[in-house]
């Protein structure tokens, strides 16, 4: 039931906005009695905090697996996979982030929760940077690559595209997502970055 309540609150945020999230609306969406919400959460603020915390770990956790792929396959193929995952993650969280920034008190609570749990938007960048550093040691990534800057620019381009899609909506249908299109976008982005990442071929 706790997960059902979180999912209901998330759906309301995405479809009606943060102001629509009340105990009555959430429990109606979840199909339970209003008092049930307070069995799991002390306040609506606690519920909202759970929505944000439960929605964010998936991408960071998926990148921890990069450590086991060092030296395997092509670096550009792995980067393309990371980009596709980043697109999906940022599409999912863009509406939540908009809601979060609309409530300064909730934002502060969320920031404190991230500090306590040692999580945050820097974690995916850290995982990507660590992976590239390991590949750098193997000579599969340029030794002069600024890893921190690359990770920020690479993931930032995924965030920008996902945000643009959500912001434009159906007005610009060229941004409508599909699995095949995401993979093509990822290949194009990685191709752009490839010469800055891969060491020059020996002649």
Protein backbone atom coordinates (compact mmCIF):
# COMPACT_ATOMS: atom_id res chain seq x y z
CA UNK A 1 0.00 0.00 0.00
CA UNK A 2 2.87 2.36 0.72
CA UNK A 3 4.15 1.93 -2.84
CA UNK A 4 0.60 2.42 -4.15
CA UNK A 5 0.29 5.73 -2.31
CA UNK A 6 3.65 6.89 -3.63
CA UNK A 7 2.65 5.95 -7.18
CA UNK A 8 -0.67 7.77 -6.79
CA UNK A 9 1.02 10.94 -5.56
CA UNK A 10 3.54 10.77 -8.39
CA UNK A 11 0.77 10.41 -10.97
CA UNK A 12 -1.07 13.43 -9.53
CA UNK A 13 2.09 15.55 -9.67
CA UNK A 14 2.71 14.58 -13.28
CA UNK A 15 -0.88 15.08 -14.45
CA UNK A 16 -2.29 17.86 -12.23
CA UNK A 17 0.67 19.49 -10.50
CA UNK A 18 1.90 19.66 -6.93
CA UNK A 19 -1.07 21.72 -5.72
CA UNK A 20 -3.39 18.79 -6.52
CA UNK A 21 -1.64 16.49 -4.06
CA UNK A 22 -3.89 16.32 -1.01
CA UNK A 23 -4.69 13.39 1.27
CA UNK A 24 -8.15 13.16 -0.29
CA UNK A 25 -6.91 13.14 -3.88
CA UNK A 26 -4.03 10.77 -3.22
CA UNK A 27 -6.16 8.19 -1.40
CA UNK A 28 -8.87 8.47 -4.04
CA UNK A 29 -6.28 7.75 -6.72
CA UNK A 30 -4.85 4.89 -4.63
CA UNK A 31 -8.31 3.46 -3.92
CA UNK A 32 -8.05 3.43 -0.14
CA UNK A 33 -9.42 5.24 2.91
CA UNK A 34 -8.00 8.69 3.64
CA UNK A 35 -6.72 7.60 7.04
CA UNK A 36 -4.57 4.92 5.41
CA UNK A 37 -2.16 7.57 4.15
CA UNK A 38 -1.30 8.63 7.70
CA UNK A 39 -0.52 5.08 8.71
CA UNK A 40 2.50 5.22 6.40
CA UNK A 41 3.31 8.95 6.34
CA UNK A 42 3.11 11.55 9.10
CA UNK A 43 2.33 14.38 6.68
CA UNK A 44 1.72 15.05 3.01
CA UNK A 45 5.22 16.52 2.98
CA UNK A 46 6.63 13.14 4.02
CA UNK A 47 4.70 11.48 1.22
CA UNK A 48 6.00 13.97 -1.33
CA UNK A 49 9.53 13.47 -0.07
CA UNK A 50 9.10 9.72 -0.55
CA UNK A 51 7.92 10.31 -4.13
CA UNK A 52 11.12 12.14 -4.99
CA UNK A 53 13.44 9.79 -3.12
CA UNK A 54 11.82 6.64 -4.51
CA UNK A 55 11.88 7.95 -8.07
CA UNK A 56 15.53 8.93 -8.26
CA UNK A 57 17.76 5.98 -7.29
CA UNK A 58 17.22 3.83 -10.39
CA UNK A 59 19.55 5.69 -12.76
CA UNK A 60 22.42 6.06 -10.28
CA UNK A 61 22.15 2.42 -9.29
CA UNK A 62 22.19 1.30 -12.92
CA UNK A 63 25.49 3.12 -13.43
CA UNK A 64 27.22 1.30 -10.59
CA UNK A 65 27.41 -1.65 -12.98
CA UNK A 66 29.87 0.29 -15.16
CA UNK A 67 32.64 -0.74 -12.80
CA UNK A 68 32.21 -4.35 -13.97
CA UNK A 69 32.40 -3.44 -17.66
CA UNK A 70 35.80 -1.78 -17.70
CA UNK A 71 37.85 -3.14 -20.58
CA UNK A 72 34.87 -4.88 -22.16
CA UNK A 73 33.24 -4.01 -25.47
CA UNK A 74 33.68 -0.60 -27.05
CA UNK A 75 33.66 2.49 -24.88
CA UNK A 76 31.37 4.28 -27.32
CA UNK A 77 28.80 1.46 -27.14
CA UNK A 78 28.72 1.64 -23.37
CA UNK A 79 28.40 5.42 -23.49
CA UNK A 80 25.44 5.05 -25.87
CA UNK A 81 23.74 2.73 -23.37
CA UNK A 82 24.33 5.25 -20.58
CA UNK A 83 22.82 8.02 -22.72
CA UNK A 84 19.65 6.01 -23.43
CA UNK A 85 19.24 5.29 -19.70
CA UNK A 86 19.83 8.97 -18.90
CA UNK A 87 17.15 10.06 -21.37
CA UNK A 88 14.59 7.72 -19.81
CA UNK A 89 15.50 8.84 -16.30
CA UNK A 90 15.38 12.58 -17.02
CA UNK A 91 12.07 12.24 -18.85
CA UNK A 92 10.60 10.55 -15.79
CA UNK A 93 11.92 13.06 -13.29
CA UNK A 94 11.49 16.34 -15.21
CA UNK A 95 7.87 16.85 -14.01
CA UNK A 96 8.87 15.94 -10.45
CA UNK A 97 11.74 18.42 -10.46
CA UNK A 98 9.42 21.16 -11.69
CA UNK A 99 7.08 20.44 -8.80
CA UNK A 100 9.95 20.33 -6.35
CA UNK A 101 11.25 23.75 -7.34
CA UNK A 102 7.79 25.23 -6.90
CA UNK A 103 7.87 24.51 -3.15
CA UNK A 104 10.98 25.95 -1.39
CA UNK A 105 10.23 24.19 1.90
CA UNK A 106 9.87 20.80 0.23
CA UNK A 107 13.02 21.46 -1.76
CA UNK A 108 14.98 22.14 1.43
CA UNK A 109 13.62 18.95 3.02
CA UNK A 110 14.59 17.01 -0.08
CA UNK A 111 18.10 18.47 -0.10
CA UNK A 112 18.56 17.48 3.54
CA UNK A 113 17.30 13.97 2.82
CA UNK A 114 19.81 13.64 -0.02
CA UNK A 115 22.64 14.72 2.26
CA UNK A 116 21.68 12.16 4.89
CA UNK A 117 21.42 9.34 2.36
CA UNK A 118 24.56 10.47 0.46
CA UNK A 119 22.66 10.79 -2.78
CA UNK A 120 22.23 13.59 -5.28
CA UNK A 121 22.45 14.62 -8.94
CA UNK A 122 26.25 14.39 -8.83
CA UNK A 123 26.24 10.63 -8.25
CA UNK A 124 25.62 9.57 -11.89
CA UNK A 125 28.43 11.88 -12.97
CA UNK A 126 30.72 10.33 -10.35
CA UNK A 127 29.97 6.81 -11.62
CA UNK A 128 30.57 7.81 -15.23
CA UNK A 129 33.79 9.62 -14.34
CA UNK A 130 35.07 6.60 -12.38
CA UNK A 131 34.33 4.32 -15.33
CA UNK A 132 36.15 6.59 -17.78
CA UNK A 133 39.10 6.93 -15.42
CA UNK A 134 39.45 3.15 -15.29
CA UNK A 135 39.28 2.99 -19.09
CA UNK A 136 41.85 5.78 -19.21
CA UNK A 137 44.29 3.59 -17.28
CA UNK A 138 43.81 0.88 -19.90
CA UNK A 139 44.54 3.34 -22.70
CA UNK A 140 40.99 3.11 -24.10
CA UNK A 141 40.20 6.75 -23.25
CA UNK A 142 42.39 9.76 -24.05
CA UNK A 143 44.81 10.55 -21.27
CA UNK A 144 44.15 14.29 -21.60
CA UNK A 145 40.34 14.01 -21.34
CA UNK A 146 38.82 16.19 -18.61
CA UNK A 147 36.67 13.47 -17.08
CA UNK A 148 34.57 15.70 -14.82
CA UNK A 149 33.77 18.12 -17.65
CA UNK A 150 32.98 15.33 -20.07
CA UNK A 151 30.61 13.61 -17.63
CA UNK A 152 28.79 16.89 -17.00
CA UNK A 153 28.47 17.76 -20.69
CA UNK A 154 27.50 14.24 -21.72
CA UNK A 155 24.75 13.76 -19.13
CA UNK A 156 23.77 17.42 -19.45
CA UNK A 157 22.97 16.90 -23.13
CA UNK A 158 20.63 14.04 -22.16
CA UNK A 159 18.94 16.22 -19.56
CA UNK A 160 18.50 19.08 -22.04
CA UNK A 161 16.86 16.83 -24.63
CA UNK A 162 14.54 15.23 -22.10
CA UNK A 163 13.58 18.62 -20.65
CA UNK A 164 12.92 20.00 -24.14
CA UNK A 165 10.66 17.08 -24.95
CA UNK A 166 8.63 17.54 -21.79
CA UNK A 167 8.44 21.29 -22.19
CA UNK A 168 7.44 21.23 -25.85
CA UNK A 169 5.10 18.24 -25.49
CA UNK A 170 3.13 17.39 -28.60
CA UNK A 171 3.72 20.88 -30.06
CA UNK A 172 6.96 19.63 -31.58
CA UNK A 173 6.43 15.98 -32.37
CA UNK A 174 10.01 15.63 -33.62
CA UNK A 175 10.90 15.12 -29.95
CA UNK A 176 8.50 12.23 -29.37
CA UNK A 177 10.44 9.32 -27.96
CA UNK A 178 10.78 5.76 -29.20
CA UNK A 179 13.32 3.10 -28.33
CA UNK A 180 14.86 3.09 -31.81
CA UNK A 181 14.97 6.88 -31.94
CA UNK A 182 16.64 7.08 -28.53
CA UNK A 183 19.30 4.63 -29.66
CA UNK A 184 19.94 6.69 -32.80
CA UNK A 185 20.15 9.90 -30.79
CA UNK A 186 22.59 8.19 -28.44
CA UNK A 187 24.77 7.03 -31.34
CA UNK A 188 24.81 10.54 -32.82
CA UNK A 189 25.75 12.13 -29.50
CA UNK A 190 28.47 9.57 -28.83
CA UNK A 191 29.82 10.01 -32.36
CA UNK A 192 30.12 13.74 -31.69
CA UNK A 193 32.06 13.11 -28.49
CA UNK A 194 34.06 10.13 -29.77
CA UNK A 195 37.10 12.02 -31.02
CA UNK A 196 37.35 13.77 -27.67
CA UNK A 197 37.16 10.47 -25.78
CA UNK A 198 38.92 7.82 -27.79
CA UNK A 199 42.72 7.92 -28.16
CA UNK A 200 43.98 8.71 -31.68
CA UNK A 201 44.77 5.71 -33.84
CA UNK A 202 48.43 4.88 -34.11
CA UNK A 203 49.94 5.30 -37.56
